Amino acid sequence: MRKIKAMMTKVMLGAMTVTTLLATSAGASAATTQVSTPAPAVAETSISLKRQAQPKIQPTTIKLHKHVTSSQISSQVQTAVDASALNLDQQHHDSQLK
């Protein structure tokens, strides 16, 4: 029974490989067929963006005085990131009001 199963598995894998190769070669030959379709006209566009102030990066050190778990460190880092994002959001809001 195992031999038959192994043989059927090999036959199925071989059939799938042949099918994939035939589909690939058919797709490649279809892709290389030349069709004379005129190219669409190219429109030129330009985009101008307002320059915004680059935020200053202020590294924060976390001092560990006792044994801390990684979830506590993660919570401290997340709090620092949230505070920084809130500060940048407030600066952006203030600059929009000017």
N, C-alpha and C. Protein backbone atom coordinates (compact mmCIF):
# COMPACT_ATOMS: atom_id res chain seq x y z
N MET A 1 0.82 -1.19 0.00
CA MET A 1 0.00 0.00 0.00
C MET A 1 0.87 1.26 0.00
N ARG A 2 1.94 1.21 0.78
CA ARG A 2 2.83 2.36 0.84
C ARG A 2 3.50 2.61 -0.50
N LYS A 3 3.86 1.54 -1.18
CA LYS A 3 4.52 1.69 -2.48
C LYS A 3 3.57 2.32 -3.49
N ILE A 4 2.31 1.90 -3.44
CA ILE A 4 1.33 2.47 -4.36
C ILE A 4 1.12 3.96 -4.05
N LYS A 5 1.03 4.26 -2.76
CA LYS A 5 0.84 5.65 -2.35
C LYS A 5 2.04 6.50 -2.78
N ALA A 6 3.25 5.99 -2.57
CA ALA A 6 4.46 6.72 -2.96
C ALA A 6 4.51 6.91 -4.48
N MET A 7 4.12 5.86 -5.21
CA MET A 7 4.12 5.95 -6.66
C MET A 7 3.09 6.97 -7.15
N MET A 8 1.91 6.98 -6.55
CA MET A 8 0.87 7.93 -6.93
C MET A 8 1.31 9.36 -6.60
N THR A 9 1.99 9.52 -5.48
CA THR A 9 2.49 10.85 -5.11
C THR A 9 3.49 11.34 -6.14
N LYS A 10 4.39 10.47 -6.56
CA LYS A 10 5.38 10.84 -7.58
C LYS A 10 4.71 11.18 -8.91
N VAL A 11 3.68 10.39 -9.27
CA VAL A 11 2.97 10.65 -10.52
C VAL A 11 2.27 12.01 -10.45
N MET A 12 1.63 12.29 -9.34
CA MET A 12 0.92 13.57 -9.18
C MET A 12 1.91 14.74 -9.21
N LEU A 13 3.03 14.61 -8.51
CA LEU A 13 4.04 15.68 -8.52
C LEU A 13 4.59 15.87 -9.92
N GLY A 14 4.82 14.77 -10.64
CA GLY A 14 5.31 14.87 -12.01
C GLY A 14 4.30 15.56 -12.91
N ALA A 15 3.03 15.21 -12.76
CA ALA A 15 1.98 15.83 -13.57
C ALA A 15 1.87 17.32 -13.26
N MET A 16 1.98 17.67 -12.00
CA MET A 16 1.92 19.09 -11.62
C MET A 16 3.12 19.85 -12.18
N THR A 17 4.28 19.23 -12.17
CA THR A 17 5.48 19.86 -12.73
C THR A 17 5.33 20.09 -14.22
N VAL A 18 4.85 19.07 -14.93
CA VAL A 18 4.66 19.20 -16.38
C VAL A 18 3.62 20.27 -16.68
N THR A 19 2.53 20.30 -15.94
CA THR A 19 1.50 21.31 -16.13
C THR A 19 2.05 22.71 -15.90
N THR A 20 2.85 22.87 -14.85
CA THR A 20 3.45 24.17 -14.56
C THR A 20 4.38 24.61 -15.67
N LEU A 21 5.20 23.67 -16.16
CA LEU A 21 6.13 24.01 -17.24
C LEU A 21 5.38 24.39 -18.52
N LEU A 22 4.33 23.65 -18.85
CA LEU A 22 3.55 23.98 -20.04
C LEU A 22 2.87 25.34 -19.89
N ALA A 23 2.31 25.60 -18.71
CA ALA A 23 1.64 26.89 -18.49
C ALA A 23 2.64 28.03 -18.54
N THR A 24 3.83 27.80 -18.02
CA THR A 24 4.86 28.84 -18.04
C THR A 24 5.31 29.13 -19.46
N SER A 25 5.54 28.09 -20.23
CA SER A 25 6.00 28.32 -21.60
C SER A 25 4.90 28.94 -22.44
N ALA A 26 3.63 28.56 -22.19
CA ALA A 26 2.52 29.17 -22.93
C ALA A 26 2.39 30.64 -22.56
N GLY A 27 2.53 30.94 -21.30
CA GLY A 27 2.46 32.34 -20.88
C GLY A 27 3.61 33.16 -21.42
N ALA A 28 4.80 32.55 -21.47
CA ALA A 28 5.96 33.28 -22.00
C ALA A 28 5.80 33.53 -23.48
N SER A 29 5.28 32.55 -24.21
CA SER A 29 5.12 32.77 -25.65
C SER A 29 4.00 33.78 -25.92
N ALA A 30 2.98 33.78 -25.09
CA ALA A 30 1.91 34.77 -25.25
C ALA A 30 2.41 36.16 -24.90
N ALA A 31 3.32 36.24 -23.95
CA ALA A 31 3.84 37.53 -23.54
C ALA A 31 4.77 38.13 -24.59
N THR A 32 5.40 37.28 -25.39
CA THR A 32 6.34 37.80 -26.38
C THR A 32 5.70 38.04 -27.74
N THR A 33 4.42 37.74 -27.86
CA THR A 33 3.74 37.99 -29.13
C THR A 33 3.63 39.50 -29.34
N GLN A 34 3.98 39.97 -30.53
CA GLN A 34 3.98 41.40 -30.79
C GLN A 34 2.59 41.84 -31.23
N VAL A 35 2.10 42.86 -30.56
CA VAL A 35 0.82 43.45 -30.92
C VAL A 35 1.09 44.92 -31.17
N SER A 36 0.64 45.42 -32.32
CA SER A 36 0.93 46.82 -32.66
C SER A 36 -0.17 47.72 -32.11
N THR A 37 -0.04 48.07 -30.85
CA THR A 37 -0.97 48.98 -30.21
C THR A 37 -0.22 50.28 -29.94
N PRO A 38 -0.75 51.42 -30.38
CA PRO A 38 -0.03 52.67 -30.13
C PRO A 38 0.04 52.98 -28.64
N ALA A 39 1.16 53.51 -28.23
CA ALA A 39 1.34 53.86 -26.82
C ALA A 39 0.52 55.10 -26.50
N PRO A 40 -0.04 55.16 -25.30
CA PRO A 40 -0.82 56.34 -24.94
C PRO A 40 0.09 57.56 -24.78
N ALA A 41 -0.47 58.73 -24.99
CA ALA A 41 0.32 59.96 -24.86
C ALA A 41 0.73 60.15 -23.41
N VAL A 42 1.92 60.65 -23.22
CA VAL A 42 2.45 60.85 -21.88
C VAL A 42 2.12 62.28 -21.43
N ALA A 43 1.51 62.39 -20.28
CA ALA A 43 1.20 63.71 -19.73
C ALA A 43 2.23 64.02 -18.65
N GLU A 44 2.75 65.22 -18.68
CA GLU A 44 3.74 65.61 -17.67
C GLU A 44 3.03 66.28 -16.52
N THR A 45 3.40 65.87 -15.34
CA THR A 45 2.84 66.48 -14.14
C THR A 45 3.96 66.86 -13.20
N SER A 46 3.71 67.82 -12.38
CA SER A 46 4.70 68.18 -11.38
C SER A 46 3.98 68.37 -10.05
N ILE A 47 4.65 67.99 -9.01
CA ILE A 47 4.09 68.08 -7.66
C ILE A 47 5.03 68.93 -6.83
N SER A 48 4.49 69.90 -6.14
CA SER A 48 5.32 70.70 -5.25
C SER A 48 4.78 70.53 -3.83
N LEU A 49 5.68 70.21 -2.93
CA LEU A 49 5.33 69.97 -1.53
C LEU A 49 5.89 71.09 -0.67
N LYS A 50 5.13 71.45 0.36
CA LYS A 50 5.63 72.46 1.30
C LYS A 50 6.71 71.81 2.16
N ARG A 51 7.73 72.58 2.40
CA ARG A 51 8.78 72.06 3.27
C ARG A 51 8.32 72.15 4.71
N GLN A 52 8.50 71.07 5.42
CA GLN A 52 8.11 71.04 6.83
C GLN A 52 9.35 70.90 7.67
N ALA A 53 9.28 71.42 8.85
CA ALA A 53 10.42 71.33 9.76
C ALA A 53 10.67 69.87 10.12
N GLN A 54 11.93 69.49 10.08
CA GLN A 54 12.29 68.13 10.45
C GLN A 54 12.34 68.02 11.97
N PRO A 55 11.66 67.05 12.53
CA PRO A 55 11.68 66.92 13.99
C PRO A 55 13.07 66.50 14.47
N LYS A 56 13.42 67.02 15.62
CA LYS A 56 14.71 66.66 16.21
C LYS A 56 14.55 65.34 16.96
N ILE A 57 15.53 64.50 16.82
CA ILE A 57 15.50 63.21 17.51
C ILE A 57 16.17 63.39 18.86
N GLN A 58 15.43 63.08 19.91
CA GLN A 58 15.97 63.20 21.26
C GLN A 58 15.96 61.82 21.90
N PRO A 59 17.13 61.19 21.95
CA PRO A 59 17.17 59.85 22.56
C PRO A 59 16.85 59.92 24.05
N THR A 60 16.12 58.95 24.52
CA THR A 60 15.74 58.89 25.92
C THR A 60 16.39 57.66 26.53
N THR A 61 17.00 57.85 27.67
CA THR A 61 17.61 56.71 28.36
C THR A 61 16.65 56.23 29.44
N ILE A 62 16.59 54.94 29.57
CA ILE A 62 15.76 54.33 30.60
C ILE A 62 16.71 53.68 31.60
N LYS A 63 16.68 54.18 32.83
CA LYS A 63 17.56 53.65 33.87
C LYS A 63 16.84 52.55 34.63
N LEU A 64 17.50 51.41 34.73
CA LEU A 64 16.91 50.27 35.42
C LEU A 64 17.60 50.11 36.77
N HIS A 65 16.85 50.38 37.83
CA HIS A 65 17.42 50.27 39.18
C HIS A 65 17.17 48.90 39.80
N LYS A 66 16.22 48.17 39.25
CA LYS A 66 15.92 46.85 39.77
C LYS A 66 15.56 45.94 38.60
N HIS A 67 15.32 44.69 38.88
CA HIS A 67 14.97 43.74 37.83
C HIS A 67 13.62 44.11 37.22
N VAL A 68 13.61 44.21 35.91
CA VAL A 68 12.38 44.60 35.22
C VAL A 68 12.07 43.58 34.14
N THR A 69 10.79 43.37 33.89
CA THR A 69 10.39 42.43 32.83
C THR A 69 10.36 43.16 31.50
N SER A 70 10.38 42.38 30.44
CA SER A 70 10.36 42.98 29.11
C SER A 70 9.05 43.69 28.85
N SER A 71 7.95 43.24 29.46
CA SER A 71 6.67 43.93 29.27
C SER A 71 6.68 45.29 29.95
N GLN A 72 7.38 45.42 31.07
CA GLN A 72 7.49 46.73 31.72
C GLN A 72 8.34 47.68 30.87
N ILE A 73 9.42 47.16 30.29
CA ILE A 73 10.25 47.98 29.40
C ILE A 73 9.44 48.39 28.18
N SER A 74 8.70 47.46 27.62
CA SER A 74 7.86 47.75 26.46
C SER A 74 6.85 48.84 26.79
N SER A 75 6.26 48.76 27.98
CA SER A 75 5.28 49.77 28.39
C SER A 75 5.93 51.14 28.51
N GLN A 76 7.15 51.21 29.07
CA GLN A 76 7.86 52.49 29.19
C GLN A 76 8.19 53.06 27.83
N VAL A 77 8.65 52.19 26.92
CA VAL A 77 8.99 52.65 25.58
C VAL A 77 7.74 53.14 24.86
N GLN A 78 6.64 52.40 24.98
CA GLN A 78 5.40 52.80 24.34
C GLN A 78 4.90 54.13 24.88
N THR A 79 5.04 54.35 26.19
CA THR A 79 4.64 55.61 26.79
C THR A 79 5.48 56.75 26.23
N ALA A 80 6.80 56.52 26.09
CA ALA A 80 7.68 57.56 25.54
C ALA A 80 7.34 57.85 24.09
N VAL A 81 7.04 56.82 23.32
CA VAL A 81 6.67 57.00 21.90
C VAL A 81 5.36 57.76 21.79
N ASP A 82 4.38 57.40 22.62
CA ASP A 82 3.09 58.09 22.61
C ASP A 82 3.25 59.57 22.96
N ALA A 83 4.07 59.86 23.97
CA ALA A 83 4.29 61.25 24.37
C ALA A 83 4.97 62.02 23.25
N SER A 84 5.93 61.41 22.59
CA SER A 84 6.62 62.06 21.49
C SER A 84 5.66 62.32 20.33
N ALA A 85 4.83 61.35 20.00
CA ALA A 85 3.86 61.53 18.92
C ALA A 85 2.86 62.62 19.26
N LEU A 86 2.42 62.66 20.52
CA LEU A 86 1.49 63.70 20.94
C LEU A 86 2.13 65.08 20.84
N ASN A 87 3.41 65.17 21.21
CA ASN A 87 4.14 66.43 21.12
C ASN A 87 4.26 66.88 19.66
N LEU A 88 4.61 65.96 18.76
CA LEU A 88 4.73 66.30 17.34
C LEU A 88 3.38 66.69 16.76
N ASP A 89 2.32 66.00 17.18
CA ASP A 89 0.99 66.33 16.71
C ASP A 89 0.58 67.72 17.16
N GLN A 90 0.91 68.06 18.41
CA GLN A 90 0.58 69.39 18.93
C GLN A 90 1.37 70.46 18.19
N GLN A 91 2.66 70.19 17.90
CA GLN A 91 3.47 71.16 17.14
C GLN A 91 2.89 71.35 15.75
N HIS A 92 2.46 70.26 15.12
CA HIS A 92 1.87 70.36 13.78
C HIS A 92 0.57 71.16 13.83
N HIS A 93 -0.25 70.91 14.83
CA HIS A 93 -1.51 71.62 14.98
C HIS A 93 -1.25 73.11 15.19
N ASP A 94 -0.27 73.43 16.03
CA ASP A 94 0.08 74.83 16.29
C ASP A 94 0.57 75.52 15.02
N SER A 95 1.36 74.81 14.21
CA SER A 95 1.88 75.42 13.00
C SER A 95 0.76 75.64 11.98
N GLN A 96 -0.27 74.79 12.01
CA GLN A 96 -1.40 74.96 11.10
C GLN A 96 -2.25 76.17 11.48
N LEU A 97 -2.26 76.51 12.77
CA LEU A 97 -3.05 77.64 13.23
C LEU A 97 -2.40 78.98 12.91
N LYS A 98 -1.11 78.96 12.66
CA LYS A 98 -0.41 80.22 12.39
C LYS A 98 -0.73 80.76 11.03
